[in-house]
Amino acid sequence: MLPPFLHSTDEHIRSLELIANRIRQSIIEMLLEAGSGHTAGPLGMADIFTALYFSLLRHDAKRPTWDDRDRVVLSNGHICPVLYATLAHAGYFPVKELLTLRKFGSRLQGHPHREFLPILENSSGPLGSGLSQATGMALADKIDGITHRYVYCLMSDGELQEGNTWEGAMLAGKERLHNLVAIIDRNNIQIDGFTEDIMPLEPLRAKWEAWNWNVLEVDGHDMEDIITKVNQAKSSYGKPNMIIAHTIPGKGVPEFERKFEWHGKPPNKEEAALALESLRSFAGQIQHEGQ
């Protein structure tokens, strides 16, 4: 249901795009302050996280441990700046806390740590383990007869090189876990280069279909398409759901986009200023309040 101040789907989509842009600005600000961290993946996944937390998920920031909430498992933990920024803008903790990223004693570690930040459903660091965790959660709900919530798993394409991923994929397909919605960030890069140069993944869709998954593909920056495809996945029955989200690493900052060199490094002061200028002006399309 749309918030009462929004009267059309177009207004709702536009509001989500503005939120995603603000989340991208927070990502740049926190990475600059930290002086370390990953840039490309978080910027590329801002639209997906915005659609989930501001339109699709069953959750309540005032009750983070609400038992009936949907579960979100972040498998590729290195993109946690986008998770932290989204949670902060959704009201889970103060936005100003984002500037403590990676600092000693901070709840916002360089890889998500559930012991420090109990809002999280899982800790993640070693790649390839998230799908198995999410499969276990979805299977437990099926065994318990819980039908009103979904388990979401956010994954990177590079971590599909980890064998553990395919063990989870086989089990989810065997158990027909239709309450599981996995989303791959198909941005085609990893830290050392392009995925298809390092360890080719294609034909990616056919591989998931072979494991008995319902597979959808989406433009990861088209907010309406994201919402439509996730709802289609939720309405399917008899198979786990894989959404291959085609995204642009570094999205929103032309100087960063599609460059694997930005996978695992933060911007310096000058680069961050350039990035924020681009985001605040929507790549020069508008004047922002600072001009």
C-alpha atoms as a PDB file:
ATOM      1  CA  MET A   1       0.000   0.000   0.000  1.00  0.00           C
ATOM      2  CA  LEU A   2       1.296   3.473  -0.836  1.00  0.00           C
ATOM      3  CA  PRO A   3       1.906   5.948   1.968  1.00  0.00           C
ATOM      4  CA  PRO A   4      -1.062   8.360   2.248  1.00  0.00           C
ATOM      5  CA  PHE A   5       0.875  11.318   0.755  1.00  0.00           C
ATOM      6  CA  LEU A   6       1.570   9.422  -2.452  1.00  0.00           C
ATOM      7  CA  HIS A   7      -1.293   9.212  -4.902  1.00  0.00           C
ATOM      8  CA  SER A   8       0.125   7.255  -7.817  1.00  0.00           C
ATOM      9  CA  THR A   9       2.588   4.565  -8.758  1.00  0.00           C
ATOM     10  CA  ASP A  10       4.707   7.192 -10.543  1.00  0.00           C
ATOM     11  CA  GLU A  11       5.011   9.234  -7.350  1.00  0.00           C
ATOM     12  CA  HIS A  12       5.913   6.128  -5.385  1.00  0.00           C
ATOM     13  CA  ILE A  13       8.625   5.150  -7.865  1.00  0.00           C
ATOM     14  CA  ARG A  14       9.995   8.700  -7.918  1.00  0.00           C
ATOM     15  CA  SER A  15      10.150   8.767  -4.129  1.00  0.00           C
ATOM     16  CA  LEU A  16      12.080   5.483  -4.122  1.00  0.00           C
ATOM     17  CA  GLU A  17      14.565   6.830  -6.675  1.00  0.00           C
ATOM     18  CA  LEU A  18      15.205   9.861  -4.462  1.00  0.00           C
ATOM     19  CA  ILE A  19      15.764   7.616  -1.433  1.00  0.00           C
ATOM     20  CA  ALA A  20      18.218   5.481  -3.421  1.00  0.00           C
ATOM     21  CA  ASN A  21      20.114   8.606  -4.418  1.00  0.00           C
ATOM     22  CA  ARG A  22      20.364   9.713  -0.790  1.00  0.00           C
ATOM     23  CA  ILE A  23      21.562   6.238   0.195  1.00  0.00           C
ATOM     24  CA  ARG A  24      24.297   6.479  -2.452  1.00  0.00           C
ATOM     25  CA  GLN A  25      25.406   9.815  -0.997  1.00  0.00           C
ATOM     26  CA  SER A  26      25.600   8.248   2.461  1.00  0.00           C
ATOM     27  CA  ILE A  27      27.721   5.412   1.041  1.00  0.00           C
ATOM     28  CA  ILE A  28      30.250   7.895  -0.334  1.00  0.00           C
ATOM     29  CA  GLU A  29      30.274   9.912   2.904  1.00  0.00           C
ATOM     30  CA  MET A  30      30.872   6.864   5.103  1.00  0.00           C
ATOM     31  CA  LEU A  31      33.581   5.393   2.860  1.00  0.00           C
ATOM     32  CA  LEU A  32      35.426   8.722   2.797  1.00  0.00           C
ATOM     33  CA  GLU A  33      35.280   8.964   6.583  1.00  0.00           C
ATOM     34  CA  ALA A  34      36.412   5.347   7.012  1.00  0.00           C
ATOM     35  CA  GLY A  35      39.220   5.600   4.489  1.00  0.00           C
ATOM     36  CA  SER A  36      38.624   1.975   3.513  1.00  0.00           C
ATOM     37  CA  GLY A  37      35.884  -0.260   2.170  1.00  0.00           C
ATOM     38  CA  HIS A  38      34.132  -1.195  -1.056  1.00  0.00           C
ATOM     39  CA  THR A  39      32.582   1.333  -3.435  1.00  0.00           C
ATOM     40  CA  ALA A  40      31.327  -0.266  -6.661  1.00  0.00           C
ATOM     41  CA  GLY A  41      29.002  -2.964  -5.286  1.00  0.00           C
ATOM     42  CA  PRO A  42      27.239  -0.794  -2.692  1.00  0.00           C
ATOM     43  CA  LEU A  43      26.503   1.955  -5.243  1.00  0.00           C
ATOM     44  CA  GLY A  44      25.286  -0.647  -7.722  1.00  0.00           C
ATOM     45  CA  MET A  45      22.874  -2.274  -5.273  1.00  0.00           C
ATOM     46  CA  ALA A  46      21.301   0.886  -3.813  1.00  0.00           C
ATOM     47  CA  ASP A  47      18.163   0.576  -5.953  1.00  0.00           C
ATOM     48  CA  ILE A  48      17.621  -3.067  -4.981  1.00  0.00           C
ATOM     49  CA  PHE A  49      17.992  -2.354  -1.251  1.00  0.00           C
ATOM     50  CA  THR A  50      15.719   0.694  -1.512  1.00  0.00           C
ATOM     51  CA  ALA A  51      12.996  -1.300  -3.253  1.00  0.00           C
ATOM     52  CA  LEU A  52      13.219  -4.024  -0.611  1.00  0.00           C
ATOM     53  CA  TYR A  53      13.219  -1.898   2.541  1.00  0.00           C
ATOM     54  CA  PHE A  54      10.928   0.908   1.348  1.00  0.00           C
ATOM     55  CA  SER A  55       8.388  -1.038  -0.683  1.00  0.00           C
ATOM     56  CA  LEU A  56       8.590  -4.828  -0.550  1.00  0.00           C
ATOM     57  CA  LEU A  57       9.739  -6.210   2.787  1.00  0.00           C
ATOM     58  CA  ARG A  58       7.560  -7.087   5.744  1.00  0.00           C
ATOM     59  CA  HIS A  59       9.516  -5.316   8.509  1.00  0.00           C
ATOM     60  CA  ASP A  60       9.256  -2.691  11.241  1.00  0.00           C
ATOM     61  CA  ALA A  61      12.211  -0.498  12.229  1.00  0.00           C
ATOM     62  CA  LYS A  62      10.631   0.073  15.637  1.00  0.00           C
ATOM     63  CA  ARG A  63      10.516  -3.695  16.217  1.00  0.00           C
ATOM     64  CA  PRO A  64      13.689  -5.083  14.562  1.00  0.00           C
ATOM     65  CA  THR A  65      13.216  -8.481  16.220  1.00  0.00           C
ATOM     66  CA  TRP A  66       9.513  -8.752  15.305  1.00  0.00           C
ATOM     67  CA  ASP A  67       9.040 -12.480  14.810  1.00  0.00           C
ATOM     68  CA  ASP A  68       6.889 -12.152  11.685  1.00  0.00           C
ATOM     69  CA  ARG A  69       9.414 -10.022   9.768  1.00  0.00           C
ATOM     70  CA  ASP A  70      10.857 -11.186   6.464  1.00  0.00           C
ATOM     71  CA  ARG A  71      14.458 -12.374   6.778  1.00  0.00           C
ATOM     72  CA  VAL A  72      17.270 -10.707   4.801  1.00  0.00           C
ATOM     73  CA  VAL A  73      20.561 -12.588   4.504  1.00  0.00           C
ATOM     74  CA  LEU A  74      23.450 -10.614   3.045  1.00  0.00           C
ATOM     75  CA  SER A  75      25.874 -13.153   1.627  1.00  0.00           C
ATOM     76  CA  ASN A  76      28.367 -10.770  -0.002  1.00  0.00           C
ATOM     77  CA  GLY A  77      29.158  -8.958   3.228  1.00  0.00           C
ATOM     78  CA  HIS A  78      31.687  -6.602   1.673  1.00  0.00           C
ATOM     79  CA  ILE A  79      28.861  -4.491   0.226  1.00  0.00           C
ATOM     80  CA  CYS A  80      27.605  -3.776   3.761  1.00  0.00           C
ATOM     81  CA  PRO A  81      27.806   0.042   3.339  1.00  0.00           C
ATOM     82  CA  VAL A  82      24.603  -0.146   1.281  1.00  0.00           C
ATOM     83  CA  LEU A  83      22.941  -2.331   3.923  1.00  0.00           C
ATOM     84  CA  TYR A  84      23.969  -0.005   6.760  1.00  0.00           C
ATOM     85  CA  ALA A  85      22.924   3.129   4.855  1.00  0.00           C
ATOM     86  CA  THR A  86      19.561   1.583   3.968  1.00  0.00           C
ATOM     87  CA  LEU A  87      18.881   0.480   7.542  1.00  0.00           C
ATOM     88  CA  ALA A  88      19.778   3.941   8.847  1.00  0.00           C
ATOM     89  CA  HIS A  89      17.527   5.759   6.372  1.00  0.00           C
ATOM     90  CA  ALA A  90      14.750   3.256   7.146  1.00  0.00           C
ATOM     91  CA  GLY A  91      14.949   4.270  10.802  1.00  0.00           C
ATOM     92  CA  TYR A  92      16.819   1.386  12.439  1.00  0.00           C
ATOM     93  CA  PHE A  93      19.545   3.641  13.859  1.00  0.00           C
ATOM     94  CA  PRO A  94      20.671   7.285  13.483  1.00  0.00           C
ATOM     95  CA  VAL A  95      22.058   8.277  10.087  1.00  0.00           C
ATOM     96  CA  LYS A  96      24.994  10.018  11.792  1.00  0.00           C
ATOM     97  CA  GLU A  97      26.156   6.624  13.090  1.00  0.00           C
ATOM     98  CA  LEU A  98      27.089   5.722   9.501  1.00  0.00           C
ATOM     99  CA  LEU A  99      30.232   7.817   9.904  1.00  0.00           C
ATOM    100  CA  THR A 100      31.538   5.251  12.412  1.00  0.00           C
ATOM    101  CA  LEU A 101      31.981   2.649   9.658  1.00  0.00           C
ATOM    102  CA  ARG A 102      35.041   0.463  10.293  1.00  0.00           C
ATOM    103  CA  LYS A 103      36.119   2.499  13.321  1.00  0.00           C
ATOM    104  CA  PHE A 104      37.337   0.789  16.483  1.00  0.00           C
ATOM    105  CA  GLY A 105      34.386  -0.152  18.691  1.00  0.00           C
ATOM    106  CA  SER A 106      31.793   0.682  16.030  1.00  0.00           C
ATOM    107  CA  ARG A 107      28.717  -1.500  15.475  1.00  0.00           C
ATOM    108  CA  LEU A 108      29.300  -1.047  11.748  1.00  0.00           C
ATOM    109  CA  GLN A 109      32.141  -3.402  10.983  1.00  0.00           C
ATOM    110  CA  GLY A 110      33.754  -3.799   7.563  1.00  0.00           C
ATOM    111  CA  HIS A 111      31.856  -7.052   7.245  1.00  0.00           C
ATOM    112  CA  PRO A 112      28.490  -7.374   9.015  1.00  0.00           C
ATOM    113  CA  HIS A 113      28.774  -8.811  12.518  1.00  0.00           C
ATOM    114  CA  ARG A 114      25.498  -9.883  14.140  1.00  0.00           C
ATOM    115  CA  GLU A 115      27.010  -9.849  17.623  1.00  0.00           C
ATOM    116  CA  PHE A 116      27.701  -6.108  17.303  1.00  0.00           C
ATOM    117  CA  LEU A 117      24.501  -5.194  15.425  1.00  0.00           C
ATOM    118  CA  PRO A 118      21.656  -7.573  16.377  1.00  0.00           C
ATOM    119  CA  ILE A 119      19.395  -6.060  13.683  1.00  0.00           C
ATOM    120  CA  LEU A 120      21.297  -8.268  11.241  1.00  0.00           C
ATOM    121  CA  GLU A 121      20.056 -11.783  10.458  1.00  0.00           C
ATOM    122  CA  ASN A 122      23.560 -13.143   9.872  1.00  0.00           C
ATOM    123  CA  SER A 123      27.236 -12.331  10.042  1.00  0.00           C
ATOM    124  CA  SER A 124      28.962 -12.479   6.692  1.00  0.00           C
ATOM    125  CA  GLY A 125      32.535 -12.432   5.610  1.00  0.00           C
ATOM    126  CA  PRO A 126      33.532 -15.638   3.814  1.00  0.00           C
ATOM    127  CA  LEU A 127      31.838 -15.515   0.431  1.00  0.00           C
ATOM    128  CA  GLY A 128      29.508 -18.272  -0.701  1.00  0.00           C
ATOM    129  CA  SER A 129      27.907 -19.107   2.656  1.00  0.00           C
ATOM    130  CA  GLY A 130      24.798 -16.895   2.560  1.00  0.00           C
ATOM    131  CA  LEU A 131      22.643 -19.059   0.308  1.00  0.00           C
ATOM    132  CA  SER A 132      23.131 -22.091   2.543  1.00  0.00           C
ATOM    133  CA  GLN A 133      22.128 -19.993   5.573  1.00  0.00           C
ATOM    134  CA  ALA A 134      19.061 -18.623   3.787  1.00  0.00           C
ATOM    135  CA  THR A 135      18.118 -22.099   2.553  1.00  0.00           C
ATOM    136  CA  GLY A 136      18.244 -23.353   6.139  1.00  0.00           C
ATOM    137  CA  MET A 137      15.986 -20.508   7.326  1.00  0.00           C
ATOM    138  CA  ALA A 138      13.486 -21.101   4.524  1.00  0.00           C
ATOM    139  CA  LEU A 139      13.474 -24.850   5.125  1.00  0.00           C
ATOM    140  CA  ALA A 140      12.897 -24.323   8.859  1.00  0.00           C
ATOM    141  CA  ASP A 141       9.866 -22.132   8.094  1.00  0.00           C
ATOM    142  CA  LYS A 142       8.517 -24.764   5.720  1.00  0.00           C
ATOM    143  CA  ILE A 143       8.905 -27.482   8.344  1.00  0.00           C
ATOM    144  CA  ASP A 144       7.202 -25.253  10.945  1.00  0.00           C
ATOM    145  CA  GLY A 145       4.316 -24.499   8.590  1.00  0.00           C
ATOM    146  CA  ILE A 146       5.085 -20.746   8.486  1.00  0.00           C
ATOM    147  CA  THR A 147       3.689 -19.381   5.225  1.00  0.00           C
ATOM    148  CA  HIS A 148       3.399 -15.611   5.717  1.00  0.00           C
ATOM    149  CA  ARG A 149       7.022 -14.557   5.418  1.00  0.00           C
ATOM    150  CA  TYR A 150       9.877 -14.833   2.925  1.00  0.00           C
ATOM    151  CA  VAL A 151      13.611 -15.302   3.216  1.00  0.00           C
ATOM    152  CA  TYR A 152      15.674 -13.069   0.933  1.00  0.00           C
ATOM    153  CA  CYS A 153      19.320 -13.732   0.109  1.00  0.00           C
ATOM    154  CA  LEU A 154      21.478 -11.030  -1.505  1.00  0.00           C
ATOM    155  CA  MET A 155      24.475 -12.452  -3.345  1.00  0.00           C
ATOM    156  CA  SER A 156      27.260 -11.302  -5.663  1.00  0.00           C
ATOM    157  CA  ASP A 157      28.059 -12.918  -8.995  1.00  0.00           C
ATOM    158  CA  GLY A 158      31.729 -13.398  -8.121  1.00  0.00           C
ATOM    159  CA  GLU A 159      30.887 -15.507  -5.066  1.00  0.00           C
ATOM    160  CA  LEU A 160      29.138 -18.046  -7.283  1.00  0.00           C
ATOM    161  CA  GLN A 161      32.660 -19.377  -7.771  1.00  0.00           C
ATOM    162  CA  GLU A 162      32.365 -20.803  -4.238  1.00  0.00           C
ATOM    163  CA  GLY A 163      31.184 -24.424  -4.177  1.00  0.00           C
ATOM    164  CA  ASN A 164      29.111 -23.948  -1.033  1.00  0.00           C
ATOM    165  CA  THR A 165      26.692 -21.865  -3.095  1.00  0.00           C
ATOM    166  CA  TRP A 166      25.763 -24.817  -5.249  1.00  0.00           C
ATOM    167  CA  GLU A 167      25.129 -27.100  -2.267  1.00  0.00           C
ATOM    168  CA  GLY A 168      22.541 -24.591  -1.050  1.00  0.00           C
ATOM    169  CA  ALA A 169      21.122 -24.320  -4.552  1.00  0.00           C
ATOM    170  CA  MET A 170      20.640 -28.079  -4.831  1.00  0.00           C
ATOM    171  CA  LEU A 171      18.953 -28.406  -1.434  1.00  0.00           C
ATOM    172  CA  ALA A 172      16.593 -25.463  -2.039  1.00  0.00           C
ATOM    173  CA  GLY A 173      15.593 -26.938  -5.395  1.00  0.00           C
ATOM    174  CA  LYS A 174      15.075 -30.406  -3.927  1.00  0.00           C
ATOM    175  CA  GLU A 175      12.923 -29.036  -1.092  1.00  0.00           C
ATOM    176  CA  ARG A 176      10.980 -26.710  -3.442  1.00  0.00           C
ATOM    177  CA  LEU A 177      11.444 -23.704  -1.165  1.00  0.00           C
ATOM    178  CA  HIS A 178       9.135 -21.198  -2.826  1.00  0.00           C
ATOM    179  CA  ASN A 179       9.471 -18.967   0.263  1.00  0.00           C
ATOM    180  CA  LEU A 180      13.120 -18.291  -0.700  1.00  0.00           C
ATOM    181  CA  VAL A 181      13.925 -15.303  -2.947  1.00  0.00           C
ATOM    182  CA  ALA A 182      17.600 -14.962  -3.873  1.00  0.00           C
ATOM    183  CA  ILE A 183      18.933 -11.950  -5.771  1.00  0.00           C
ATOM    184  CA  ILE A 184      22.275 -12.024  -7.585  1.00  0.00           C
ATOM    185  CA  ASP A 185      24.082  -8.731  -8.141  1.00  0.00           C
ATOM    186  CA  ARG A 186      25.107  -9.477 -11.727  1.00  0.00           C
ATOM    187  CA  ASN A 187      27.542  -6.576 -12.137  1.00  0.00           C
ATOM    188  CA  ASN A 188      30.165  -8.656 -13.987  1.00  0.00           C
ATOM    189  CA  ILE A 189      33.111  -7.568 -11.837  1.00  0.00           C
ATOM    190  CA  GLN A 190      35.140  -8.919  -8.946  1.00  0.00           C
ATOM    191  CA  ILE A 191      38.218  -7.580  -7.245  1.00  0.00           C
ATOM    192  CA  ASP A 192      40.733  -8.777  -9.836  1.00  0.00           C
ATOM    193  CA  GLY A 193      38.801  -8.117 -13.019  1.00  0.00           C
ATOM    194  CA  PHE A 194      35.698  -9.084 -14.950  1.00  0.00           C
ATOM    195  CA  THR A 195      33.974 -12.315 -13.899  1.00  0.00           C
ATOM    196  CA  GLU A 196      33.918 -13.746 -17.390  1.00  0.00           C
ATOM    197  CA  ASP A 197      37.696 -13.347 -17.646  1.00  0.00           C
ATOM    198  CA  ILE A 198      38.481 -14.860 -14.232  1.00  0.00           C
ATOM    199  CA  MET A 199      35.928 -17.680 -13.948  1.00  0.00           C
ATOM    200  CA  PRO A 200      33.127 -17.596 -16.530  1.00  0.00           C
ATOM    201  CA  LEU A 201      29.610 -17.939 -15.090  1.00  0.00           C
ATOM    202  CA  GLU A 202      27.478 -18.070 -18.200  1.00  0.00           C
ATOM    203  CA  PRO A 203      25.030 -19.500 -19.060  1.00  0.00           C
ATOM    204  CA  LEU A 204      23.974 -18.348 -15.612  1.00  0.00           C
ATOM    205  CA  ARG A 205      20.204 -18.564 -16.025  1.00  0.00           C
ATOM    206  CA  ALA A 206      20.380 -22.100 -17.381  1.00  0.00           C
ATOM    207  CA  LYS A 207      22.456 -23.243 -14.404  1.00  0.00           C
ATOM    208  CA  TRP A 208      19.832 -22.139 -11.876  1.00  0.00           C
ATOM    209  CA  GLU A 209      17.003 -23.555 -13.942  1.00  0.00           C
ATOM    210  CA  ALA A 210      18.869 -26.874 -14.007  1.00  0.00           C
ATOM    211  CA  TRP A 211      18.727 -26.910 -10.180  1.00  0.00           C
ATOM    212  CA  ASN A 212      14.921 -26.532 -10.353  1.00  0.00           C
ATOM    213  CA  TRP A 213      14.753 -22.806  -9.554  1.00  0.00           C
ATOM    214  CA  ASN A 214      12.252 -20.275 -10.894  1.00  0.00           C
ATOM    215  CA  VAL A 215      14.536 -17.721 -12.575  1.00  0.00           C
ATOM    216  CA  LEU A 216      13.714 -14.104 -13.384  1.00  0.00           C
ATOM    217  CA  GLU A 217      15.954 -11.350 -14.734  1.00  0.00           C
ATOM    218  CA  VAL A 218      15.645  -7.670 -13.911  1.00  0.00           C
ATOM    219  CA  ASP A 219      17.177  -4.285 -14.688  1.00  0.00           C
ATOM    220  CA  GLY A 220      18.657  -3.593 -11.253  1.00  0.00           C
ATOM    221  CA  HIS A 221      18.174   0.157 -11.650  1.00  0.00           C
ATOM    222  CA  ASP A 222      14.565   0.143 -12.872  1.00  0.00           C
ATOM    223  CA  MET A 223      12.603   0.546  -9.650  1.00  0.00           C
ATOM    224  CA  GLU A 224       9.267  -0.474 -11.147  1.00  0.00           C
ATOM    225  CA  ASP A 225      10.825  -3.550 -12.776  1.00  0.00           C
ATOM    226  CA  ILE A 226      12.455  -4.570  -9.491  1.00  0.00           C
ATOM    227  CA  ILE A 227       9.160  -4.371  -7.604  1.00  0.00           C
ATOM    228  CA  THR A 228       7.300  -6.230 -10.338  1.00  0.00           C
ATOM    229  CA  LYS A 229       9.821  -9.090 -10.544  1.00  0.00           C
ATOM    230  CA  VAL A 230      10.082  -9.574  -6.782  1.00  0.00           C
ATOM    231  CA  ASN A 231       6.282  -9.723  -6.540  1.00  0.00           C
ATOM    232  CA  GLN A 232       6.233 -12.230  -9.400  1.00  0.00           C
ATOM    233  CA  ALA A 233       8.747 -14.357  -7.501  1.00  0.00           C
ATOM    234  CA  LYS A 234       6.638 -14.208  -4.340  1.00  0.00           C
ATOM    235  CA  SER A 235       3.563 -15.336  -6.238  1.00  0.00           C
ATOM    236  CA  SER A 236       5.251 -18.429  -7.688  1.00  0.00           C
ATOM    237  CA  TYR A 237       4.834 -21.813  -6.067  1.00  0.00           C
ATOM    238  CA  GLY A 238       6.801 -25.046  -5.980  1.00  0.00           C
ATOM    239  CA  LYS A 239      10.311 -23.708  -6.637  1.00  0.00           C
ATOM    240  CA  PRO A 240      12.839 -21.396  -4.969  1.00  0.00           C
ATOM    241  CA  ASN A 241      13.231 -18.087  -6.774  1.00  0.00           C
ATOM    242  CA  MET A 242      16.361 -16.594  -8.302  1.00  0.00           C
ATOM    243  CA  ILE A 243      16.338 -13.018  -9.573  1.00  0.00           C
ATOM    244  CA  ILE A 244      19.378 -12.156 -11.681  1.00  0.00           C
ATOM    245  CA  ALA A 245      19.702  -8.381 -11.243  1.00  0.00           C
ATOM    246  CA  HIS A 246      21.731  -6.735 -13.981  1.00  0.00           C
ATOM    247  CA  THR A 247      23.419  -3.792 -12.292  1.00  0.00           C
ATOM    248  CA  ILE A 248      26.117  -1.245 -13.055  1.00  0.00           C
ATOM    249  CA  PRO A 249      28.948  -1.285 -10.513  1.00  0.00           C
ATOM    250  CA  GLY A 250      29.529   2.251  -9.230  1.00  0.00           C
ATOM    251  CA  LYS A 251      26.071   3.340 -10.457  1.00  0.00           C
ATOM    252  CA  GLY A 252      25.416   7.074 -10.136  1.00  0.00           C
ATOM    253  CA  VAL A 253      29.031   8.209 -10.452  1.00  0.00           C
ATOM    254  CA  PRO A 254      30.125   8.071 -14.124  1.00  0.00           C
ATOM    255  CA  GLU A 255      33.806   8.078 -13.175  1.00  0.00           C
ATOM    256  CA  PHE A 256      33.307   4.875 -11.133  1.00  0.00           C
ATOM    257  CA  GLU A 257      30.839   2.980 -13.297  1.00  0.00           C
ATOM    258  CA  ARG A 258      31.758  -0.439 -14.763  1.00  0.00           C
ATOM    259  CA  LYS A 259      35.375  -0.242 -13.504  1.00  0.00           C
ATOM    260  CA  PHE A 260      36.496  -3.273 -11.509  1.00  0.00           C
ATOM    261  CA  GLU A 261      39.228  -1.135  -9.957  1.00  0.00           C
ATOM    262  CA  TRP A 262      36.476   0.380  -7.753  1.00  0.00           C
ATOM    263  CA  HIS A 263      35.422  -3.000  -6.388  1.00  0.00           C
ATOM    264  CA  GLY A 264      37.475  -2.770  -3.217  1.00  0.00           C
ATOM    265  CA  LYS A 265      38.733   0.763  -2.670  1.00  0.00           C
ATOM    266  CA  PRO A 266      37.190   3.921  -1.185  1.00  0.00           C
ATOM    267  CA  PRO A 267      37.255   7.374  -2.778  1.00  0.00           C
ATOM    268  CA  ASN A 268      39.759   9.943  -1.579  1.00  0.00           C
ATOM    269  CA  LYS A 269      38.646  13.469  -0.678  1.00  0.00           C
ATOM    270  CA  GLU A 270      38.713  14.789  -4.241  1.00  0.00           C
ATOM    271  CA  GLU A 271      37.028  11.698  -5.687  1.00  0.00           C
ATOM    272  CA  ALA A 272      34.335  11.776  -3.002  1.00  0.00           C
ATOM    273  CA  ALA A 273      33.616  15.451  -3.717  1.00  0.00           C
ATOM    274  CA  LEU A 274      33.247  14.625  -7.403  1.00  0.00           C
ATOM    275  CA  ALA A 275      30.966  11.684  -6.614  1.00  0.00           C
ATOM    276  CA  LEU A 276      28.737  13.690  -4.279  1.00  0.00           C
ATOM    277  CA  GLU A 277      28.456  16.490  -6.818  1.00  0.00           C
ATOM    278  CA  SER A 278      27.368  13.978  -9.445  1.00  0.00           C
ATOM    279  CA  LEU A 279      24.820  12.330  -7.154  1.00  0.00           C
ATOM    280  CA  ARG A 280      23.372  15.562  -5.776  1.00  0.00           C
ATOM    281  CA  SER A 281      22.888  16.973  -9.273  1.00  0.00           C
ATOM    282  CA  PHE A 282      21.738  13.649 -10.818  1.00  0.00           C
ATOM    283  CA  ALA A 283      24.797  13.678 -13.101  1.00  0.00           C
ATOM    284  CA  GLY A 284      24.434  17.375 -13.854  1.00  0.00           C
ATOM    285  CA  GLN A 285      20.757  17.222 -14.798  1.00  0.00           C
ATOM    286  CA  ILE A 286      19.657  19.577 -12.020  1.00  0.00           C
ATOM    287  CA  GLN A 287      21.089  22.203  -9.722  1.00  0.00           C
ATOM    288  CA  HIS A 288      21.294  21.140  -6.105  1.00  0.00           C
ATOM    289  CA  GLU A 289      20.840  23.239  -3.003  1.00  0.00           C
ATOM    290  CA  GLY A 290      24.607  23.628  -2.551  1.00  0.00           C
ATOM    291  CA  GLN A 291      25.005  25.460  -5.862  1.00  0.00           C
END
